[in-house]
């Protein structure tokens, strides 16, 4: 699909029939399937339908059942916001009283759709004609066209004065891959922040690795994870909660503090019975100390974001493991210990270690019916390996 005309062909009765036939196709049979379909349909349409069917299959991880009715560009699938994240953001805008929002750099329309489903009127803007056409088609296919106006335009030319909020998701990829300098975003972060100042509320999507010193005074920086994986960071303007926030989806647990109330780093302690691995959003938001306070825990090393405690206190912001061994790092010793315990399923986690998990597995050759987790890290500055089991494991019995 290279143009709005190609999209129109896919939305024709013939195109829709092709997409329906390809809905659950096996990608491994694509060549044979294409050969058969080209006997009855134009070559270009078959090619576009096959590509779109593959994109829908990829998009299902982000959009669920909606993906089967939506249209995508390749870059749009890669950069699209997951529905659970877009719904979280839309709910926050709704709580702020937003009724009309300009979605600048809307892509394939994932955020615009979530906002519209929350009852917010949306102007969705994208510079690329095909991308704008896809966003418009998606709003129509999902019955949201009455709330979503799509415009193909340069976002820097858009008048946002009729809207009480702005959401901006600048392009953070270039010809050479990811862009880490916020001023190299398209449009630059400084421009997006200037636009944010024109409306009552705004959210600007940024790379999760944005340095904290670049967060403007008075803004709230929110890091969001989904299923334990950090997905994005957002700078919020016009909220009553400036500071930093970690939000964990899909459950929605959120940890927040103002900059003035941030806690100092927790003390370094000897490794206790439990090791706690903070969620990535907690680490990125520099809220490890706040999570440590919830479990009455300390750090195992002043530079490593692993927490330890002698008693088990649950928090949604860290995953607990019961630790059986704390040893100086030694491949030979680890290999012998795993063999002795019959460990064949080895989960390797690392923080502060140069050894890659796959490299370790190749060298220790785990074999046997049992499982374990090994943490390659530092304890009070010394290279160490901690061996344990997730607390959720039934073998812990009463310790859980």
Protein backbone atom coordinates (compact mmCIF):
# COMPACT_ATOMS: atom_id res chain seq x y z
CA UNK A 1 0.00 0.00 0.00
CA UNK A 2 1.75 3.09 -1.26
CA UNK A 3 -0.97 5.72 -1.64
CA UNK A 4 -4.49 6.69 -0.54
CA UNK A 5 -5.67 5.15 -3.83
CA UNK A 6 -4.22 1.79 -2.80
CA UNK A 7 -6.05 2.11 0.52
CA UNK A 8 -9.30 2.86 -1.32
CA UNK A 9 -8.81 -0.31 -3.39
CA UNK A 10 -8.39 -2.36 -0.21
CA UNK A 11 -11.63 -0.89 1.14
CA UNK A 12 -13.55 -1.75 -2.01
CA UNK A 13 -15.80 -4.85 -1.97
CA UNK A 14 -13.11 -6.83 -3.81
CA UNK A 15 -10.38 -5.66 -1.47
CA UNK A 16 -12.45 -6.40 1.63
CA UNK A 17 -13.19 -9.90 0.32
CA UNK A 18 -9.48 -10.52 -0.16
CA UNK A 19 -8.66 -9.30 3.32
CA UNK A 20 -11.37 -11.50 4.79
CA UNK A 21 -9.92 -14.52 2.99
CA UNK A 22 -6.44 -13.67 4.28
CA UNK A 23 -7.50 -12.99 7.86
CA UNK A 24 -5.99 -16.12 9.40
CA UNK A 25 -3.62 -17.15 6.63
CA UNK A 26 -0.31 -18.88 7.32
CA UNK A 27 2.53 -16.51 6.35
CA UNK A 28 4.56 -19.56 5.35
CA UNK A 29 2.02 -20.25 2.60
CA UNK A 30 1.98 -16.68 1.29
CA UNK A 31 3.68 -17.47 -2.02
CA UNK A 32 1.29 -20.28 -2.94
CA UNK A 33 -1.66 -18.21 -1.76
CA UNK A 34 -0.56 -15.19 -3.81
CA UNK A 35 -0.19 -17.36 -6.92
CA UNK A 36 -3.73 -18.66 -6.53
CA UNK A 37 -5.30 -15.29 -5.77
CA UNK A 38 -3.62 -13.60 -8.73
CA UNK A 39 -5.62 -15.81 -11.08
CA UNK A 40 -8.79 -13.95 -10.11
CA UNK A 41 -7.62 -10.56 -8.84
CA UNK A 42 -5.26 -7.76 -9.96
CA UNK A 43 -1.64 -8.42 -9.00
CA UNK A 44 -1.29 -5.06 -7.25
CA UNK A 45 -4.40 -5.61 -5.17
CA UNK A 46 -3.30 -9.10 -4.10
CA UNK A 47 0.13 -7.78 -3.11
CA UNK A 48 -1.40 -4.93 -1.11
CA UNK A 49 -3.87 -7.28 0.59
CA UNK A 50 -1.15 -9.74 1.58
CA UNK A 51 0.94 -6.92 3.04
CA UNK A 52 -2.05 -5.53 4.92
CA UNK A 53 -2.98 -8.97 6.26
CA UNK A 54 0.56 -9.38 7.63
CA UNK A 55 0.41 -5.94 9.22
CA UNK A 56 -2.91 -6.77 10.86
CA UNK A 57 -1.44 -9.95 12.31
CA UNK A 58 1.48 -7.96 13.75
CA UNK A 59 -0.85 -5.24 15.03
CA UNK A 60 -3.01 -7.70 16.96
CA UNK A 61 -0.48 -7.61 19.82
CA UNK A 62 -1.17 -3.89 20.23
CA UNK A 63 -4.78 -3.50 19.11
CA UNK A 64 -6.37 -6.86 19.90
CA UNK A 65 -9.53 -7.70 17.98
CA UNK A 66 -9.70 -4.19 16.48
CA UNK A 67 -6.63 -4.96 14.38
CA UNK A 68 -8.73 -7.22 12.14
CA UNK A 69 -10.81 -4.21 11.05
CA UNK A 70 -8.09 -1.58 10.91
CA UNK A 71 -5.57 -0.52 8.28
CA UNK A 72 -1.88 0.11 8.86
CA UNK A 73 1.29 1.38 7.30
CA UNK A 74 4.47 -0.58 8.17
CA UNK A 75 5.91 2.30 10.17
CA UNK A 76 2.53 2.87 11.77
CA UNK A 77 2.44 -0.62 13.28
CA UNK A 78 5.98 -0.25 14.60
CA UNK A 79 5.38 3.12 16.25
CA UNK A 80 1.72 2.80 17.23
CA UNK A 81 0.68 3.12 20.87
CA UNK A 82 -0.70 -0.06 22.41
CA UNK A 83 -4.44 0.20 23.06
CA UNK A 84 -4.01 -0.33 26.82
CA UNK A 85 -1.57 2.60 26.96
CA UNK A 86 -3.72 4.84 24.74
CA UNK A 87 -6.77 4.09 26.89
CA UNK A 88 -4.84 4.98 30.04
CA UNK A 89 -3.82 8.31 28.52
CA UNK A 90 -7.34 9.02 27.27
CA UNK A 91 -8.71 8.35 30.76
CA UNK A 92 -6.25 10.85 32.23
CA UNK A 93 -7.31 13.50 29.73
CA UNK A 94 -10.95 12.77 30.54
CA UNK A 95 -10.27 13.15 34.28
CA UNK A 96 -8.73 16.54 33.53
CA UNK A 97 -12.03 17.64 31.96
CA UNK A 98 -10.77 17.66 28.36
CA UNK A 99 -13.54 17.65 25.75
CA UNK A 100 -11.66 18.63 22.57
CA UNK A 101 -8.08 17.69 21.74
CA UNK A 102 -5.61 18.16 18.89
CA UNK A 103 -3.66 14.94 18.23
CA UNK A 104 -0.53 16.16 16.42
CA UNK A 105 1.47 13.51 14.50
CA UNK A 106 -1.44 11.07 14.83
CA UNK A 107 0.08 8.18 12.84
CA UNK A 108 -2.41 5.41 12.12
CA UNK A 109 -4.76 6.88 14.72
CA UNK A 110 -4.39 4.60 17.75
CA UNK A 111 -4.47 7.42 20.30
CA UNK A 112 -7.20 9.30 18.46
CA UNK A 113 -9.42 6.20 18.59
CA UNK A 114 -8.92 5.75 22.35
CA UNK A 115 -9.61 9.43 22.95
CA UNK A 116 -12.78 9.30 20.88
CA UNK A 117 -13.97 6.22 22.75
CA UNK A 118 -13.52 8.22 25.94
CA UNK A 119 -15.94 10.81 24.51
CA UNK A 120 -13.32 13.40 23.51
CA UNK A 121 -13.61 15.23 20.19
CA UNK A 122 -10.32 14.85 18.30
CA UNK A 123 -8.54 16.65 15.49
CA UNK A 124 -5.98 14.12 14.22
CA UNK A 125 -3.18 15.59 12.10
CA UNK A 126 -0.42 13.95 10.09
CA UNK A 127 1.78 15.27 7.29
CA UNK A 128 1.86 12.08 5.23
CA UNK A 129 -1.20 11.70 2.94
CA UNK A 130 -1.32 7.91 3.21
CA UNK A 131 -0.94 7.93 6.99
CA UNK A 132 -3.73 10.51 7.31
CA UNK A 133 -5.94 8.44 5.01
CA UNK A 134 -5.29 5.35 7.13
CA UNK A 135 -6.19 7.23 10.33
CA UNK A 136 -9.42 8.43 8.70
CA UNK A 137 -10.27 4.92 7.52
CA UNK A 138 -9.69 3.50 10.98
CA UNK A 139 -12.01 6.04 12.58
CA UNK A 140 -14.67 5.15 10.03
CA UNK A 141 -14.21 1.40 10.35
CA UNK A 142 -14.57 1.56 14.15
CA UNK A 143 -17.60 3.88 14.05
CA UNK A 144 -15.80 6.90 15.50
CA UNK A 145 -15.78 9.26 12.50
CA UNK A 146 -18.25 11.62 14.19
CA UNK A 147 -15.67 12.36 16.90
CA UNK A 148 -12.46 12.20 14.85
CA UNK A 149 -11.61 14.76 12.20
CA UNK A 150 -8.46 13.79 10.29
CA UNK A 151 -6.42 16.44 8.53
CA UNK A 152 -3.37 16.00 6.30
CA UNK A 153 -1.22 18.97 7.23
CA UNK A 154 2.04 20.14 8.75
CA UNK A 155 1.39 20.14 12.50
CA UNK A 156 3.38 23.35 12.87
CA UNK A 157 0.68 25.12 10.82
CA UNK A 158 -2.26 23.87 12.90
CA UNK A 159 -4.26 26.37 14.96
CA UNK A 160 -5.00 24.71 18.30
CA UNK A 161 -6.95 27.60 19.81
CA UNK A 162 -10.28 25.75 19.52
CA UNK A 163 -9.00 22.84 21.62
CA UNK A 164 -8.44 22.56 25.35
CA UNK A 165 -5.69 19.97 25.06
CA UNK A 166 -2.88 18.76 22.81
CA UNK A 167 -1.29 15.36 22.46
CA UNK A 168 1.91 15.26 20.40
CA UNK A 169 3.83 12.15 19.42
CA UNK A 170 6.82 13.42 17.42
CA UNK A 171 8.71 11.08 15.12
CA UNK A 172 11.67 9.61 17.00
CA UNK A 173 13.09 7.50 14.20
CA UNK A 174 15.19 8.61 11.25
CA UNK A 175 17.00 6.98 8.38
CA UNK A 176 19.66 5.73 10.82
CA UNK A 177 17.25 4.40 13.45
CA UNK A 178 16.18 5.78 16.81
CA UNK A 179 16.69 9.45 17.58
CA UNK A 180 17.83 10.19 21.12
CA UNK A 181 18.22 13.99 20.95
CA UNK A 182 14.78 15.51 21.68
CA UNK A 183 15.64 18.49 19.51
CA UNK A 184 16.13 16.11 16.58
CA UNK A 185 12.57 14.80 16.94
CA UNK A 186 10.20 15.76 14.14
CA UNK A 187 8.90 18.21 15.23
CA UNK A 188 11.46 19.15 17.93
CA UNK A 189 10.50 18.81 21.57
CA UNK A 190 11.00 22.55 22.13
CA UNK A 191 8.30 23.27 19.54
CA UNK A 192 5.95 20.76 21.14
CA UNK A 193 6.48 22.34 24.56
CA UNK A 194 5.72 25.77 23.12
CA UNK A 195 2.42 24.44 21.70
CA UNK A 196 1.66 22.85 25.07
CA UNK A 197 1.75 26.33 26.56
CA UNK A 198 -1.10 27.45 24.30
CA UNK A 199 -3.68 25.07 25.76
CA UNK A 200 -4.93 24.10 29.20
CA UNK A 201 -3.56 20.55 29.14
CA UNK A 202 -1.00 18.68 27.09
CA UNK A 203 0.85 15.38 26.89
CA UNK A 204 4.05 15.04 24.86
CA UNK A 205 5.35 11.58 24.13
CA UNK A 206 9.12 11.23 24.49
CA UNK A 207 11.67 8.42 24.50
CA UNK A 208 11.76 6.47 27.80
CA UNK A 209 15.46 7.25 28.09
CA UNK A 210 14.95 11.02 28.23
CA UNK A 211 17.35 12.53 30.81
CA UNK A 212 15.54 13.80 33.89
CA UNK A 213 17.27 17.13 33.62
CA UNK A 214 15.36 17.78 30.37
CA UNK A 215 11.98 17.52 32.12
CA UNK A 216 10.66 21.09 32.33
CA UNK A 217 9.84 22.63 35.69
CA UNK A 218 6.14 22.34 36.43
CA UNK A 219 5.67 19.27 34.21
CA UNK A 220 4.85 15.75 35.27
CA UNK A 221 7.03 13.06 33.70
CA UNK A 222 5.26 9.71 33.52
CA UNK A 223 6.95 6.44 32.60
CA UNK A 224 4.55 3.67 31.54
CA UNK A 225 5.18 -0.06 31.46
CA UNK A 226 2.89 -2.78 30.13
CA UNK A 227 3.38 -6.28 31.45
CA UNK A 228 6.72 -5.22 32.92
CA UNK A 229 8.13 -3.72 29.71
CA UNK A 230 8.65 0.05 29.59
CA UNK A 231 6.72 1.33 26.59
CA UNK A 232 6.99 5.09 26.73
CA UNK A 233 7.45 8.28 28.67
CA UNK A 234 5.11 11.27 28.55
CA UNK A 235 5.53 14.85 29.68
CA UNK A 236 2.25 16.17 31.08
CA UNK A 237 1.44 19.86 31.33
CA UNK A 238 -1.52 21.40 33.13
CA UNK A 239 -1.94 18.60 35.67
CA UNK A 240 -2.25 19.14 39.43
CA UNK A 241 0.60 16.67 40.01
CA UNK A 242 3.96 17.93 38.71
CA UNK A 243 6.83 15.62 39.52
CA UNK A 244 7.53 12.05 38.42
CA UNK A 245 5.23 9.06 38.05
CA UNK A 246 5.55 5.36 37.24
CA UNK A 247 2.40 3.69 35.89
CA UNK A 248 2.18 -0.08 35.55
CA UNK A 249 -0.33 -1.49 33.09
CA UNK A 250 -2.57 -3.35 32.64
CA UNK A 251 -3.39 -3.18 36.38
CA UNK A 252 -3.00 0.60 36.54
CA UNK A 253 -0.88 0.84 39.70
CA UNK A 254 0.75 4.25 39.80
CA UNK A 255 3.57 5.58 41.98
CA UNK A 256 4.00 9.35 42.11
CA UNK A 257 5.93 11.97 44.00
CA UNK A 258 6.73 15.62 43.61
CA UNK A 259 10.37 16.51 43.10
CA UNK A 260 10.43 18.22 46.50
CA UNK A 261 9.19 15.07 48.24
CA UNK A 262 11.52 12.59 46.51
CA UNK A 263 13.26 10.26 48.92
CA UNK A 264 17.04 9.87 49.12
CA UNK A 265 18.56 6.63 47.84
CA UNK A 266 17.87 3.67 50.13
CA UNK A 267 20.76 2.36 52.23
CA UNK A 268 22.92 -0.54 50.98
CA UNK A 269 22.22 -3.72 52.97
CA UNK A 270 23.49 -7.29 52.92
CA UNK A 271 21.37 -9.52 50.73
CA UNK A 272 18.47 -10.85 52.78
CA UNK A 273 16.00 -13.68 52.19
CA UNK A 274 14.28 -11.80 49.37
CA UNK A 275 15.43 -9.91 46.30
CA UNK A 276 13.00 -7.47 44.71
CA UNK A 277 13.31 -6.47 41.05
CA UNK A 278 11.67 -3.05 40.52
CA UNK A 279 9.51 -2.57 37.45
CA UNK A 280 11.31 -0.79 34.61
CA UNK A 281 8.99 2.22 34.88
CA UNK A 282 9.94 2.59 38.56
CA UNK A 283 13.63 2.52 37.65
CA UNK A 284 13.26 4.97 34.76
CA UNK A 285 11.28 7.39 36.90
CA UNK A 286 13.91 7.25 39.67
CA UNK A 287 11.32 6.03 42.18
CA UNK A 288 13.28 3.03 43.45
CA UNK A 289 13.56 4.63 46.89
CA UNK A 290 9.79 5.03 47.06
CA UNK A 291 9.35 1.35 46.18
CA UNK A 292 11.99 0.40 48.76
CA UNK A 293 10.09 2.20 51.48
CA UNK A 294 6.98 0.14 50.71
CA UNK A 295 8.84 -3.13 51.34
CA UNK A 296 11.18 -1.83 54.03
CA UNK A 297 14.04 -2.76 51.74
CA UNK A 298 17.50 -1.57 50.86
CA UNK A 299 19.87 -1.72 47.90
CA UNK A 300 22.32 -4.57 47.35
CA UNK A 301 24.75 -2.06 45.78
CA UNK A 302 24.62 1.71 45.57
CA UNK A 303 24.70 1.60 41.75
CA UNK A 304 22.33 -1.35 41.17
CA UNK A 305 18.52 -1.16 41.18
CA UNK A 306 17.90 -4.43 42.99
CA UNK A 307 16.28 -4.26 46.42
CA UNK A 308 16.56 -6.72 49.27
CA UNK A 309 14.63 -7.45 52.46
CA UNK A 310 14.48 -10.07 55.18
CA UNK A 311 10.70 -10.27 55.21
CA UNK A 312 8.28 -10.49 52.32
CA UNK A 313 6.14 -7.41 51.78
CA UNK A 314 4.30 -7.29 48.49
CA UNK A 315 4.17 -4.23 46.28
CA UNK A 316 3.03 -3.95 42.66
CA UNK A 317 6.19 -2.00 41.89
CA UNK A 318 8.71 -4.84 42.33
CA UNK A 319 8.79 -8.59 41.69
CA UNK A 320 10.04 -10.66 44.67
CA UNK A 321 12.35 -13.67 44.56
CA UNK A 322 13.33 -15.94 47.43
CA UNK A 323 17.14 -16.12 47.45
CA UNK A 324 18.88 -19.40 48.28
CA UNK A 325 22.49 -18.51 47.43
CA UNK A 326 24.65 -15.39 47.33
CA UNK A 327 28.01 -16.26 45.78
CA UNK A 328 31.02 -14.55 44.22
CA UNK A 329 30.77 -14.78 40.45
CA UNK A 330 32.24 -18.06 39.16
CA UNK A 331 31.13 -19.94 36.06
CA UNK A 332 32.67 -23.14 37.38
CA UNK A 333 30.87 -22.91 40.69
CA UNK A 334 27.56 -22.02 39.04
CA UNK A 335 27.83 -24.95 36.62
CA UNK A 336 28.46 -27.36 39.49
CA UNK A 337 25.62 -25.98 41.59
CA UNK A 338 23.10 -26.19 38.75
CA UNK A 339 24.17 -29.75 37.96
CA UNK A 340 23.86 -30.72 41.63
CA UNK A 341 20.31 -29.32 41.80
CA UNK A 342 19.18 -30.66 38.41
CA UNK A 343 18.37 -27.24 37.00
CA UNK A 344 17.51 -27.41 33.31
CA UNK A 345 15.34 -24.31 33.01
CA UNK A 346 17.54 -21.34 33.89
CA UNK A 347 16.26 -17.77 33.85
CA UNK A 348 19.17 -15.34 33.67
CA UNK A 349 18.78 -11.73 34.78
CA UNK A 350 21.59 -9.22 34.78
CA UNK A 351 22.23 -5.76 36.07
CA UNK A 352 25.75 -4.45 36.32
CA UNK A 353 27.27 -7.47 34.55
CA UNK A 354 28.87 -7.68 31.11
CA UNK A 355 27.92 -11.32 30.56
CA UNK A 356 24.96 -11.89 28.24
CA UNK A 357 22.29 -14.42 29.31
CA UNK A 358 22.65 -16.62 26.22
CA UNK A 359 26.41 -16.69 26.65
CA UNK A 360 25.99 -17.85 30.25
CA UNK A 361 23.54 -20.60 29.27
CA UNK A 362 25.94 -21.93 26.64
CA UNK A 363 28.75 -22.09 29.16
CA UNK A 364 26.90 -23.68 32.09
CA UNK A 365 24.79 -26.08 29.95
CA UNK A 366 21.81 -26.41 32.32
CA UNK A 367 20.11 -29.82 32.29
CA UNK A 368 17.50 -31.43 34.50
CA UNK A 369 13.85 -31.20 35.57
CA UNK A 370 14.12 -28.22 37.91
CA UNK A 371 14.17 -24.46 37.37
CA UNK A 372 15.94 -21.50 38.94
CA UNK A 373 16.72 -17.84 38.40
CA UNK A 374 20.26 -16.49 38.54
CA UNK A 375 20.99 -12.79 38.95
CA UNK A 376 24.33 -11.60 37.58
CA UNK A 377 25.04 -8.39 39.40
CA UNK A 378 27.19 -6.65 41.99
CA UNK A 379 26.80 -6.86 45.74
CA UNK A 380 28.51 -4.03 47.61
CA UNK A 381 30.75 -3.51 44.58
CA UNK A 382 31.76 -7.17 44.08
CA UNK A 383 30.71 -9.21 41.00
CA UNK A 384 28.21 -11.71 42.34
CA UNK A 385 25.57 -14.25 41.43
CA UNK A 386 22.35 -14.65 43.36
CA UNK A 387 20.25 -17.76 42.88
CA UNK A 388 16.59 -17.86 43.71
CA UNK A 389 13.00 -18.62 42.79
CA UNK A 390 10.08 -16.29 42.05
CA UNK A 391 7.88 -15.95 45.10
CA UNK A 392 4.80 -16.77 43.04
CA UNK A 393 6.24 -20.29 42.52
CA UNK A 394 4.09 -22.85 44.35
CA UNK A 395 7.19 -24.62 45.70
CA UNK A 396 7.61 -21.82 48.24
CA UNK A 397 4.48 -22.89 50.05
CA UNK A 398 4.03 -20.92 53.23
CA UNK A 399 6.85 -18.52 52.40
CA UNK A 400 4.59 -16.97 49.81
